[in-house]
Amino acid sequence: YKAVNRESYEIVAVKKMKRKFYFWEECVNLREVKSLPSIESSNIIKLKEVVRENNDLFFIFEYMQYNLYQIMKDRHRPFTEEEIRNFLTQVLQGLAHMHRNGYFHRDLKPQ
C-alpha cells in the first residue's frame, strides 16, 4: 500500500503481513525484522519501521515511485540490451550485497 506518514508527510510503502501476530516477541524474531534494518545499499529498499496494530503486522518501507514490474508492464516496445543490462546489474548488485552480509532472498520479484 502507498501511505503518508502523518508526522513527516513522507510517502511510504506499507506491507501487511498475512498472518496474525499476537505478541511483539513474535515480530522481533522475524528474519526480515532482524536483517533488513542493518542492510545498507542503494539497490535494496530500506525498512523504516515495523508496526503491530490489532495483531496485524506492518512493514513500513521507503517508497519507490516506480518498480521494475510496472516499468515492464507499461512498456510498449522491447527494452534495449543496454536497458536490460542496467536493470539486471542493479538487481544483482543488491542481491550480492545481501549475500556478502550473510542473507539470501527467497522471493525475488520485479515489484
PDB file of N, CA and C in Angstrom:
ATOM      1  N   TYR A   1       0.833  -1.178   0.000  1.00  0.00           N
ATOM      2  CA  TYR A   1       0.000   0.000   0.000  1.00  0.00           C
ATOM      3  C   TYR A   1       0.880   1.244   0.000  1.00  0.00           C
ATOM      4  N   LYS A   2       0.387   2.297  -0.569  1.00  0.00           N
ATOM      5  CA  LYS A   2       1.057   3.589  -0.534  1.00  0.00           C
ATOM      6  C   LYS A   2       0.396   4.386   0.588  1.00  0.00           C
ATOM      7  N   ALA A   3       1.209   5.039   1.421  1.00  0.00           N
ATOM      8  CA  ALA A   3       0.667   5.781   2.563  1.00  0.00           C
ATOM      9  C   ALA A   3       1.507   7.032   2.805  1.00  0.00           C
ATOM     10  N   VAL A   4       0.998   7.900   3.684  1.00  0.00           N
ATOM     11  CA  VAL A   4       1.713   9.118   4.058  1.00  0.00           C
ATOM     12  C   VAL A   4       1.909   9.113   5.567  1.00  0.00           C
ATOM     13  N   ASN A   5       3.142   9.332   5.997  1.00  0.00           N
ATOM     14  CA  ASN A   5       3.447   9.452   7.418  1.00  0.00           C
ATOM     15  C   ASN A   5       2.794  10.735   7.925  1.00  0.00           C
ATOM     16  N   ARG A   6       1.949  10.634   8.938  1.00  0.00           N
ATOM     17  CA  ARG A   6       1.205  11.800   9.437  1.00  0.00           C
ATOM     18  C   ARG A   6       2.086  12.833  10.116  1.00  0.00           C
ATOM     19  N   GLU A   7       3.246  12.418  10.603  1.00  0.00           N
ATOM     20  CA  GLU A   7       4.150  13.356  11.278  1.00  0.00           C
ATOM     21  C   GLU A   7       5.091  14.052  10.303  1.00  0.00           C
ATOM     22  N   SER A   8       5.682  13.286   9.405  1.00  0.00           N
ATOM     23  CA  SER A   8       6.690  13.852   8.496  1.00  0.00           C
ATOM     24  C   SER A   8       6.136  14.148   7.102  1.00  0.00           C
ATOM     25  N   TYR A   9       4.933  13.666   6.806  1.00  0.00           N
ATOM     26  CA  TYR A   9       4.307  13.787   5.483  1.00  0.00           C
ATOM     27  C   TYR A   9       5.105  13.074   4.392  1.00  0.00           C
ATOM     28  N   GLU A  10       5.977  12.181   4.801  1.00  0.00           N
ATOM     29  CA  GLU A  10       6.763  11.397   3.856  1.00  0.00           C
ATOM     30  C   GLU A  10       5.881  10.293   3.270  1.00  0.00           C
ATOM     31  N   ILE A  11       5.988  10.076   1.971  1.00  0.00           N
ATOM     32  CA  ILE A  11       5.274   8.978   1.323  1.00  0.00           C
ATOM     33  C   ILE A  11       6.060   7.694   1.587  1.00  0.00           C
ATOM     34  N   VAL A  12       5.355   6.661   2.019  1.00  0.00           N
ATOM     35  CA  VAL A  12       5.983   5.379   2.344  1.00  0.00           C
ATOM     36  C   VAL A  12       5.190   4.244   1.696  1.00  0.00           C
ATOM     37  N   ALA A  13       5.790   3.072   1.678  1.00  0.00           N
ATOM     38  CA  ALA A  13       5.108   1.858   1.223  1.00  0.00           C
ATOM     39  C   ALA A  13       4.848   0.990   2.446  1.00  0.00           C
ATOM     40  N   VAL A  14       3.657   0.433   2.536  1.00  0.00           N
ATOM     41  CA  VAL A  14       3.272  -0.386   3.686  1.00  0.00           C
ATOM     42  C   VAL A  14       2.962  -1.800   3.203  1.00  0.00           C
ATOM     43  N   LYS A  15       3.588  -2.766   3.839  1.00  0.00           N
ATOM     44  CA  LYS A  15       3.330  -4.178   3.536  1.00  0.00           C
ATOM     45  C   LYS A  15       2.685  -4.805   4.762  1.00  0.00           C
ATOM     46  N   LYS A  16       1.473  -5.333   4.586  1.00  0.00           N
ATOM     47  CA  LYS A  16       0.779  -6.007   5.684  1.00  0.00           C
ATOM     48  C   LYS A  16       1.093  -7.493   5.601  1.00  0.00           C
ATOM     49  N   MET A  17       1.567  -8.042   6.710  1.00  0.00           N
ATOM     50  CA  MET A  17       1.871  -9.467   6.761  1.00  0.00           C
ATOM     51  C   MET A  17       0.557 -10.250   6.816  1.00  0.00           C
ATOM     52  N   LYS A  18       0.546 -11.415   6.196  1.00  0.00           N
ATOM     53  CA  LYS A  18      -0.692 -12.192   6.085  1.00  0.00           C
ATOM     54  C   LYS A  18      -1.147 -12.792   7.405  1.00  0.00           C
ATOM     55  N   ARG A  19      -0.208 -13.317   8.177  1.00  0.00           N
ATOM     56  CA  ARG A  19      -0.627 -13.990   9.412  1.00  0.00           C
ATOM     57  C   ARG A  19      -0.750 -12.999  10.567  1.00  0.00           C
ATOM     58  N   LYS A  20      -1.421 -13.403  11.611  1.00  0.00           N
ATOM     59  CA  LYS A  20      -1.600 -12.577  12.805  1.00  0.00           C
ATOM     60  C   LYS A  20      -0.401 -12.735  13.734  1.00  0.00           C
ATOM     61  N   PHE A  21      -0.099 -11.683  14.465  1.00  0.00           N
ATOM     62  CA  PHE A  21       0.990 -11.687  15.441  1.00  0.00           C
ATOM     63  C   PHE A  21       0.412 -11.221  16.769  1.00  0.00           C
ATOM     64  N   TYR A  22       0.322 -12.146  17.723  1.00  0.00           N
ATOM     65  CA  TYR A  22      -0.338 -11.848  18.983  1.00  0.00           C
ATOM     66  C   TYR A  22       0.605 -11.271  20.030  1.00  0.00           C
ATOM     67  N   PHE A  23       1.914 -11.423  19.819  1.00  0.00           N
ATOM     68  CA  PHE A  23       2.901 -10.903  20.771  1.00  0.00           C
ATOM     69  C   PHE A  23       4.017 -10.194  20.016  1.00  0.00           C
ATOM     70  N   TRP A  24       4.518  -9.111  20.587  1.00  0.00           N
ATOM     71  CA  TRP A  24       5.596  -8.349  19.966  1.00  0.00           C
ATOM     72  C   TRP A  24       6.848  -9.218  19.785  1.00  0.00           C
ATOM     73  N   GLU A  25       7.062 -10.159  20.692  1.00  0.00           N
ATOM     74  CA  GLU A  25       8.229 -11.037  20.605  1.00  0.00           C
ATOM     75  C   GLU A  25       8.213 -11.847  19.306  1.00  0.00           C
ATOM     76  N   GLU A  26       7.028 -12.230  18.844  1.00  0.00           N
ATOM     77  CA  GLU A  26       6.920 -12.937  17.563  1.00  0.00           C
ATOM     78  C   GLU A  26       7.433 -12.064  16.422  1.00  0.00           C
ATOM     79  N   CYS A  27       7.149 -10.790  16.510  1.00  0.00           N
ATOM     80  CA  CYS A  27       7.521  -9.841  15.452  1.00  0.00           C
ATOM     81  C   CYS A  27       9.022  -9.620  15.396  1.00  0.00           C
ATOM     82  N   VAL A  28       9.626  -9.357  16.540  1.00  0.00           N
ATOM     83  CA  VAL A  28      11.050  -9.018  16.555  1.00  0.00           C
ATOM     84  C   VAL A  28      11.927 -10.212  16.201  1.00  0.00           C
ATOM     85  N   ASN A  29      11.379 -11.413  16.261  1.00  0.00           N
ATOM     86  CA  ASN A  29      12.158 -12.596  15.900  1.00  0.00           C
ATOM     87  C   ASN A  29      12.042 -12.971  14.425  1.00  0.00           C
ATOM     88  N   LEU A  30      11.259 -12.217  13.655  1.00  0.00           N
ATOM     89  CA  LEU A  30      11.151 -12.494  12.224  1.00  0.00           C
ATOM     90  C   LEU A  30      12.468 -12.193  11.526  1.00  0.00           C
ATOM     91  N   ARG A  31      12.796 -12.998  10.549  1.00  0.00           N
ATOM     92  CA  ARG A  31      14.046 -12.842   9.794  1.00  0.00           C
ATOM     93  C   ARG A  31      14.151 -11.445   9.165  1.00  0.00           C
ATOM     94  N   GLU A  32      13.054 -10.944   8.566  1.00  0.00           N
ATOM     95  CA  GLU A  32      13.081  -9.631   7.921  1.00  0.00           C
ATOM     96  C   GLU A  32      13.342  -8.519   8.925  1.00  0.00           C
ATOM     97  N   VAL A  33      12.748  -8.628  10.093  1.00  0.00           N
ATOM     98  CA  VAL A  33      12.910  -7.594  11.120  1.00  0.00           C
ATOM     99  C   VAL A  33      14.344  -7.576  11.628  1.00  0.00           C
ATOM    100  N   LYS A  34      14.954  -8.733  11.723  1.00  0.00           N
ATOM    101  CA  LYS A  34      16.337  -8.809  12.200  1.00  0.00           C
ATOM    102  C   LYS A  34      17.336  -8.350  11.140  1.00  0.00           C
ATOM    103  N   SER A  35      17.070  -8.651   9.874  1.00  0.00           N
ATOM    104  CA  SER A  35      18.081  -8.420   8.842  1.00  0.00           C
ATOM    105  C   SER A  35      17.937  -7.109   8.084  1.00  0.00           C
ATOM    106  N   LEU A  36      16.742  -6.734   7.680  1.00  0.00           N
ATOM    107  CA  LEU A  36      16.580  -5.582   6.796  1.00  0.00           C
ATOM    108  C   LEU A  36      17.099  -4.255   7.343  1.00  0.00           C
ATOM    109  N   PRO A  37      16.883  -3.927   8.611  1.00  0.00           N
ATOM    110  CA  PRO A  37      17.388  -2.625   9.083  1.00  0.00           C
ATOM    111  C   PRO A  37      18.908  -2.487   8.999  1.00  0.00           C
ATOM    112  N   SER A  38      19.631  -3.575   9.026  1.00  0.00           N
ATOM    113  CA  SER A  38      21.094  -3.496   9.032  1.00  0.00           C
ATOM    114  C   SER A  38      21.695  -3.503   7.632  1.00  0.00           C
ATOM    115  N   ILE A  39      20.883  -3.716   6.614  1.00  0.00           N
ATOM    116  CA  ILE A  39      21.401  -3.776   5.246  1.00  0.00           C
ATOM    117  C   ILE A  39      21.306  -2.395   4.610  1.00  0.00           C
ATOM    118  N   GLU A  40      22.454  -1.833   4.266  1.00  0.00           N
ATOM    119  CA  GLU A  40      22.519  -0.510   3.637  1.00  0.00           C
ATOM    120  C   GLU A  40      23.004  -0.661   2.207  1.00  0.00           C
ATOM    121  N   SER A  41      22.142  -0.391   1.239  1.00  0.00           N
ATOM    122  CA  SER A  41      22.518  -0.438  -0.168  1.00  0.00           C
ATOM    123  C   SER A  41      21.519   0.392  -0.961  1.00  0.00           C
ATOM    124  N   SER A  42      22.016   1.102  -1.953  1.00  0.00           N
ATOM    125  CA  SER A  42      21.110   1.884  -2.798  1.00  0.00           C
ATOM    126  C   SER A  42      20.242   0.971  -3.663  1.00  0.00           C
ATOM    127  N   ASN A  43      20.563  -0.309  -3.725  1.00  0.00           N
ATOM    128  CA  ASN A  43      19.805  -1.263  -4.531  1.00  0.00           C
ATOM    129  C   ASN A  43      18.834  -2.103  -3.708  1.00  0.00           C
ATOM    130  N   ILE A  44      18.676  -1.769  -2.430  1.00  0.00           N
ATOM    131  CA  ILE A  44      17.758  -2.505  -1.552  1.00  0.00           C
ATOM    132  C   ILE A  44      16.857  -1.494  -0.851  1.00  0.00           C
ATOM    133  N   ILE A  45      15.558  -1.718  -0.931  1.00  0.00           N
ATOM    134  CA  ILE A  45      14.602  -0.805  -0.294  1.00  0.00           C
ATOM    135  C   ILE A  45      14.783  -0.853   1.211  1.00  0.00           C
ATOM    136  N   LYS A  46      14.774   0.312   1.835  1.00  0.00           N
ATOM    137  CA  LYS A  46      15.028   0.410   3.273  1.00  0.00           C
ATOM    138  C   LYS A  46      13.752   0.177   4.087  1.00  0.00           C
ATOM    139  N   LEU A  47      13.879  -0.674   5.100  1.00  0.00           N
ATOM    140  CA  LEU A  47      12.802  -0.873   6.067  1.00  0.00           C
ATOM    141  C   LEU A  47      12.913   0.239   7.091  1.00  0.00           C
ATOM    142  N   LYS A  48      11.891   1.089   7.169  1.00  0.00           N
ATOM    143  CA  LYS A  48      11.930   2.246   8.049  1.00  0.00           C
ATOM    144  C   LYS A  48      11.368   1.950   9.437  1.00  0.00           C
ATOM    145  N   GLU A  49      10.354   1.086   9.480  1.00  0.00           N
ATOM    146  CA  GLU A  49       9.651   0.877  10.748  1.00  0.00           C
ATOM    147  C   GLU A  49       8.853  -0.421  10.689  1.00  0.00           C
ATOM    148  N   VAL A  50       8.610  -1.006  11.848  1.00  0.00           N
ATOM    149  CA  VAL A  50       7.746  -2.178  11.978  1.00  0.00           C
ATOM    150  C   VAL A  50       6.655  -1.797  12.971  1.00  0.00           C
ATOM    151  N   VAL A  51       5.397  -2.001  12.573  1.00  0.00           N
ATOM    152  CA  VAL A  51       4.263  -1.597  13.410  1.00  0.00           C
ATOM    153  C   VAL A  51       3.340  -2.792  13.600  1.00  0.00           C
ATOM    154  N   ARG A  52       2.929  -3.018  14.841  1.00  0.00           N
ATOM    155  CA  ARG A  52       1.943  -4.059  15.149  1.00  0.00           C
ATOM    156  C   ARG A  52       0.710  -3.366  15.704  1.00  0.00           C
ATOM    157  N   GLU A  53      -0.424  -3.615  15.062  1.00  0.00           N
ATOM    158  CA  GLU A  53      -1.668  -2.988  15.500  1.00  0.00           C
ATOM    159  C   GLU A  53      -2.798  -4.001  15.357  1.00  0.00           C
ATOM    160  N   ASN A  54      -3.533  -4.223  16.441  1.00  0.00           N
ATOM    161  CA  ASN A  54      -4.642  -5.191  16.444  1.00  0.00           C
ATOM    162  C   ASN A  54      -4.206  -6.559  15.908  1.00  0.00           C
ATOM    163  N   ASN A  55      -3.039  -7.012  16.342  1.00  0.00           N
ATOM    164  CA  ASN A  55      -2.470  -8.309  15.962  1.00  0.00           C
ATOM    165  C   ASN A  55      -2.071  -8.407  14.488  1.00  0.00           C
ATOM    166  N   ASP A  56      -2.134  -7.290  13.765  1.00  0.00           N
ATOM    167  CA  ASP A  56      -1.639  -7.241  12.393  1.00  0.00           C
ATOM    168  C   ASP A  56      -0.256  -6.610  12.415  1.00  0.00           C
ATOM    169  N   LEU A  57       0.622  -7.110  11.552  1.00  0.00           N
ATOM    170  CA  LEU A  57       1.985  -6.600  11.485  1.00  0.00           C
ATOM    171  C   LEU A  57       2.182  -5.895  10.154  1.00  0.00           C
ATOM    172  N   PHE A  58       2.768  -4.710  10.219  1.00  0.00           N
ATOM    173  CA  PHE A  58       3.009  -3.901   9.033  1.00  0.00           C
ATOM    174  C   PHE A  58       4.483  -3.536   8.950  1.00  0.00           C
ATOM    175  N   PHE A  59       5.040  -3.669   7.761  1.00  0.00           N
ATOM    176  CA  PHE A  59       6.397  -3.196   7.493  1.00  0.00           C
ATOM    177  C   PHE A  59       6.262  -1.880   6.741  1.00  0.00           C
ATOM    178  N   ILE A  60       6.957  -0.863   7.218  1.00  0.00           N
ATOM    179  CA  ILE A  60       6.947   0.448   6.579  1.00  0.00           C
ATOM    180  C   ILE A  60       8.275   0.601   5.837  1.00  0.00           C
ATOM    181  N   PHE A  61       8.194   0.710   4.522  1.00  0.00           N
ATOM    182  CA  PHE A  61       9.381   0.817   3.677  1.00  0.00           C
ATOM    183  C   PHE A  61       9.455   2.200   3.044  1.00  0.00           C
ATOM    184  N   GLU A  62      10.654   2.569   2.596  1.00  0.00           N
ATOM    185  CA  GLU A  62      10.763   3.765   1.779  1.00  0.00           C
ATOM    186  C   GLU A  62       9.927   3.515   0.525  1.00  0.00           C
ATOM    187  N   TYR A  63       9.382   4.580  -0.032  1.00  0.00           N
ATOM    188  CA  TYR A  63       8.509   4.456  -1.192  1.00  0.00           C
ATOM    189  C   TYR A  63       9.309   4.629  -2.478  1.00  0.00           C
ATOM    190  N   MET A  64       9.072   3.752  -3.425  1.00  0.00           N
ATOM    191  CA  MET A  64       9.656   3.881  -4.757  1.00  0.00           C
ATOM    192  C   MET A  64       8.531   4.218  -5.715  1.00  0.00           C
ATOM    193  N   GLN A  65       8.692   5.305  -6.445  1.00  0.00           N
ATOM    194  CA  GLN A  65       7.638   5.719  -7.363  1.00  0.00           C
ATOM    195  C   GLN A  65       7.421   4.683  -8.467  1.00  0.00           C
ATOM    196  N   TYR A  66       8.497   4.054  -8.901  1.00  0.00           N
ATOM    197  CA  TYR A  66       8.405   3.053  -9.962  1.00  0.00           C
ATOM    198  C   TYR A  66       9.018   1.748  -9.484  1.00  0.00           C
ATOM    199  N   ASN A  67       8.503   0.651  -9.993  1.00  0.00           N
ATOM    200  CA  ASN A  67       9.146  -0.638  -9.748  1.00  0.00           C
ATOM    201  C   ASN A  67       9.329  -1.331 -11.092  1.00  0.00           C
ATOM    202  N   LEU A  68      10.220  -2.270 -11.120  1.00  0.00           N
ATOM    203  CA  LEU A  68      10.572  -2.922 -12.377  1.00  0.00           C
ATOM    204  C   LEU A  68       9.365  -3.591 -13.030  1.00  0.00           C
ATOM    205  N   TYR A  69       8.499  -4.181 -12.229  1.00  0.00           N
ATOM    206  CA  TYR A  69       7.309  -4.827 -12.787  1.00  0.00           C
ATOM    207  C   TYR A  69       6.442  -3.814 -13.530  1.00  0.00           C
ATOM    208  N   GLN A  70       6.201  -2.656 -12.910  1.00  0.00           N
ATOM    209  CA  GLN A  70       5.361  -1.628 -13.535  1.00  0.00           C
ATOM    210  C   GLN A  70       6.015  -1.089 -14.807  1.00  0.00           C
ATOM    211  N   ILE A  71       7.319  -0.899 -14.761  1.00  0.00           N
ATOM    212  CA  ILE A  71       8.043  -0.421 -15.943  1.00  0.00           C
ATOM    213  C   ILE A  71       7.896  -1.428 -17.085  1.00  0.00           C
ATOM    214  N   MET A  72       8.037  -2.712 -16.774  1.00  0.00           N
ATOM    215  CA  MET A  72       7.913  -3.752 -17.805  1.00  0.00           C
ATOM    216  C   MET A  72       6.482  -3.823 -18.340  1.00  0.00           C
ATOM    217  N   LYS A  73       5.514  -3.708 -17.452  1.00  0.00           N
ATOM    218  CA  LYS A  73       4.106  -3.813 -17.838  1.00  0.00           C
ATOM    219  C   LYS A  73       3.671  -2.640 -18.723  1.00  0.00           C
ATOM    220  N   ASP A  74       4.149  -1.444 -18.399  1.00  0.00           N
ATOM    221  CA  ASP A  74       3.736  -0.242 -19.125  1.00  0.00           C
ATOM    222  C   ASP A  74       4.502  -0.032 -20.431  1.00  0.00           C
ATOM    223  N   ARG A  75       5.540  -0.784 -20.630  1.00  0.00           N
ATOM    224  CA  ARG A  75       6.413  -0.610 -21.794  1.00  0.00           C
ATOM    225  C   ARG A  75       5.702  -1.101 -23.055  1.00  0.00           C
ATOM    226  N   HIS A  76       5.738  -0.308 -24.122  1.00  0.00           N
ATOM    227  CA  HIS A  76       5.063  -0.672 -25.372  1.00  0.00           C
ATOM    228  C   HIS A  76       6.043  -1.099 -26.459  1.00  0.00           C
ATOM    229  N   ARG A  77       7.307  -1.181 -26.106  1.00  0.00           N
ATOM    230  CA  ARG A  77       8.316  -1.643 -27.061  1.00  0.00           C
ATOM    231  C   ARG A  77       9.364  -2.430 -26.283  1.00  0.00           C
ATOM    232  N   PRO A  78      10.113  -3.252 -26.954  1.00  0.00           N
ATOM    233  CA  PRO A  78      11.130  -4.051 -26.250  1.00  0.00           C
ATOM    234  C   PRO A  78      12.214  -3.172 -25.620  1.00  0.00           C
ATOM    235  N   PHE A  79      12.780  -3.659 -24.528  1.00  0.00           N
ATOM    236  CA  PHE A  79      13.912  -2.969 -23.910  1.00  0.00           C
ATOM    237  C   PHE A  79      15.153  -3.196 -24.756  1.00  0.00           C
ATOM    238  N   THR A  80      16.036  -2.215 -24.733  1.00  0.00           N
ATOM    239  CA  THR A  80      17.310  -2.402 -25.418  1.00  0.00           C
ATOM    240  C   THR A  80      18.184  -3.313 -24.568  1.00  0.00           C
ATOM    241  N   GLU A  81      19.205  -3.854 -25.184  1.00  0.00           N
ATOM    242  CA  GLU A  81      20.136  -4.701 -24.448  1.00  0.00           C
ATOM    243  C   GLU A  81      20.788  -3.912 -23.314  1.00  0.00           C
ATOM    244  N   GLU A  82      21.088  -2.655 -23.551  1.00  0.00           N
ATOM    245  CA  GLU A  82      21.711  -1.815 -22.515  1.00  0.00           C
ATOM    246  C   GLU A  82      20.762  -1.594 -21.332  1.00  0.00           C
ATOM    247  N   GLU A  83      19.473  -1.371 -21.600  1.00  0.00           N
ATOM    248  CA  GLU A  83      18.497  -1.194 -20.520  1.00  0.00           C
ATOM    249  C   GLU A  83      18.374  -2.468 -19.686  1.00  0.00           C
ATOM    250  N   ILE A  84      18.312  -3.604 -20.354  1.00  0.00           N
ATOM    251  CA  ILE A  84      18.219  -4.886 -19.641  1.00  0.00           C
ATOM    252  C   ILE A  84      19.458  -5.097 -18.783  1.00  0.00           C
ATOM    253  N   ARG A  85      20.611  -4.808 -19.344  1.00  0.00           N
ATOM    254  CA  ARG A  85      21.870  -4.951 -18.602  1.00  0.00           C
ATOM    255  C   ARG A  85      21.862  -4.041 -17.369  1.00  0.00           C
ATOM    256  N   ASN A  86      21.355  -2.827 -17.523  1.00  0.00           N
ATOM    257  CA  ASN A  86      21.287  -1.876 -16.403  1.00  0.00           C
ATOM    258  C   ASN A  86      20.362  -2.390 -15.299  1.00  0.00           C
ATOM    259  N   PHE A  87      19.160  -2.868 -15.661  1.00  0.00           N
ATOM    260  CA  PHE A  87      18.226  -3.413 -14.668  1.00  0.00           C
ATOM    261  C   PHE A  87      18.854  -4.591 -13.925  1.00  0.00           C
ATOM    262  N   LEU A  88      19.400  -5.530 -14.696  1.00  0.00           N
ATOM    263  CA  LEU A  88      19.983  -6.724 -14.083  1.00  0.00           C
ATOM    264  C   LEU A  88      21.171  -6.389 -13.193  1.00  0.00           C
ATOM    265  N   THR A  89      21.977  -5.436 -13.616  1.00  0.00           N
ATOM    266  CA  THR A  89      23.129  -5.032 -12.803  1.00  0.00           C
ATOM    267  C   THR A  89      22.673  -4.526 -11.445  1.00  0.00           C
ATOM    268  N   GLN A  90      21.638  -3.679 -11.429  1.00  0.00           N
ATOM    269  CA  GLN A  90      21.145  -3.137 -10.162  1.00  0.00           C
ATOM    270  C   GLN A  90      20.573  -4.235  -9.268  1.00  0.00           C
ATOM    271  N   VAL A  91      19.789  -5.135  -9.850  1.00  0.00           N
ATOM    272  CA  VAL A  91      19.207  -6.237  -9.075  1.00  0.00           C
ATOM    273  C   VAL A  91      20.311  -7.123  -8.507  1.00  0.00           C
ATOM    274  N   LEU A  92      21.273  -7.475  -9.344  1.00  0.00           N
ATOM    275  CA  LEU A  92      22.342  -8.373  -8.903  1.00  0.00           C
ATOM    276  C   LEU A  92      23.279  -7.704  -7.901  1.00  0.00           C
ATOM    277  N   GLN A  93      23.473  -6.387  -8.003  1.00  0.00           N
ATOM    278  CA  GLN A  93      24.282  -5.683  -7.003  1.00  0.00           C
ATOM    279  C   GLN A  93      23.602  -5.738  -5.637  1.00  0.00           C
ATOM    280  N   GLY A  94      22.287  -5.539  -5.605  1.00  0.00           N
ATOM    281  CA  GLY A  94      21.554  -5.643  -4.346  1.00  0.00           C
ATOM    282  C   GLY A  94      21.608  -7.048  -3.778  1.00  0.00           C
ATOM    283  N   LEU A  95      21.432  -8.040  -4.630  1.00  0.00           N
ATOM    284  CA  LEU A  95      21.482  -9.436  -4.202  1.00  0.00           C
ATOM    285  C   LEU A  95      22.877  -9.805  -3.689  1.00  0.00           C
ATOM    286  N   ALA A  96      23.912  -9.365  -4.389  1.00  0.00           N
ATOM    287  CA  ALA A  96      25.287  -9.642  -3.958  1.00  0.00           C
ATOM    288  C   ALA A  96      25.566  -8.990  -2.608  1.00  0.00           C
ATOM    289  N   HIS A  97      25.036  -7.793  -2.400  1.00  0.00           N
ATOM    290  CA  HIS A  97      25.225  -7.111  -1.110  1.00  0.00           C
ATOM    291  C   HIS A  97      24.590  -7.925   0.021  1.00  0.00           C
ATOM    292  N   MET A  98      23.391  -8.451  -0.222  1.00  0.00           N
ATOM    293  CA  MET A  98      22.736  -9.292   0.785  1.00  0.00           C
ATOM    294  C   MET A  98      23.569 -10.538   1.067  1.00  0.00           C
ATOM    295  N   HIS A  99      24.063 -11.174   0.025  1.00  0.00           N
ATOM    296  CA  HIS A  99      24.868 -12.393   0.197  1.00  0.00           C
ATOM    297  C   HIS A  99      26.140 -12.098   0.988  1.00  0.00           C
ATOM    298  N   ARG A 100      26.791 -10.968   0.706  1.00  0.00           N
ATOM    299  CA  ARG A 100      28.009 -10.600   1.448  1.00  0.00           C
ATOM    300  C   ARG A 100      27.725 -10.409   2.934  1.00  0.00           C
ATOM    301  N   ASN A 101      26.496 -10.027   3.252  1.00  0.00           N
ATOM    302  CA  ASN A 101      26.113  -9.809   4.643  1.00  0.00           C
ATOM    303  C   ASN A 101      25.467 -11.041   5.276  1.00  0.00           C
ATOM    304  N   GLY A 102      25.524 -12.166   4.579  1.00  0.00           N
ATOM    305  CA  GLY A 102      25.053 -13.421   5.157  1.00  0.00           C
ATOM    306  C   GLY A 102      23.576 -13.705   4.971  1.00  0.00           C
ATOM    307  N   TYR A 103      22.900 -12.983   4.077  1.00  0.00           N
ATOM    308  CA  TYR A 103      21.469 -13.191   3.848  1.00  0.00           C
ATOM    309  C   TYR A 103      21.243 -13.635   2.411  1.00  0.00           C
ATOM    310  N   PHE A 104      20.124 -14.335   2.188  1.00  0.00           N
ATOM    311  CA  PHE A 104      19.731 -14.645   0.819  1.00  0.00           C
ATOM    312  C   PHE A 104      18.246 -14.351   0.682  1.00  0.00           C
ATOM    313  N   HIS A 105      17.824 -14.032  -0.529  1.00  0.00           N
ATOM    314  CA  HIS A 105      16.441 -13.659  -0.788  1.00  0.00           C
ATOM    315  C   HIS A 105      15.699 -14.870  -1.327  1.00  0.00           C
ATOM    316  N   ARG A 106      14.566 -15.194  -0.708  1.00  0.00           N
ATOM    317  CA  ARG A 106      13.811 -16.384  -1.106  1.00  0.00           C
ATOM    318  C   ARG A 106      12.694 -16.073  -2.091  1.00  0.00           C
ATOM    319  N   ASP A 107      12.408 -14.798  -2.326  1.00  0.00           N
ATOM    320  CA  ASP A 107      11.229 -14.440  -3.109  1.00  0.00           C
ATOM    321  C   ASP A 107      11.517 -13.203  -3.955  1.00  0.00           C
ATOM    322  N   LEU A 108      12.454 -13.298  -4.857  1.00  0.00           N
ATOM    323  CA  LEU A 108      12.855 -12.166  -5.681  1.00  0.00           C
ATOM    324  C   LEU A 108      11.811 -11.922  -6.764  1.00  0.00           C
ATOM    325  N   LYS A 109      11.235 -10.707  -6.785  1.00  0.00           N
ATOM    326  CA  LYS A 109      10.201 -10.343  -7.748  1.00  0.00           C
ATOM    327  C   LYS A 109      10.531  -8.963  -8.312  1.00  0.00           C
ATOM    328  N   PRO A 110      10.021  -8.639  -9.506  1.00  0.00           N
ATOM    329  CA  PRO A 110      10.312  -7.322 -10.080  1.00  0.00           C
ATOM    330  C   PRO A 110       9.585  -6.170  -9.388  1.00  0.00           C
ATOM    331  N   GLN A 111       8.661  -6.442  -8.477  1.00  0.00           N
ATOM    332  CA  GLN A 111       7.979  -5.362  -7.775  1.00  0.00           C
ATOM    333  C   GLN A 111       8.918  -4.761  -6.766  1.00  0.00           C
TER     334      GLN A 111
END
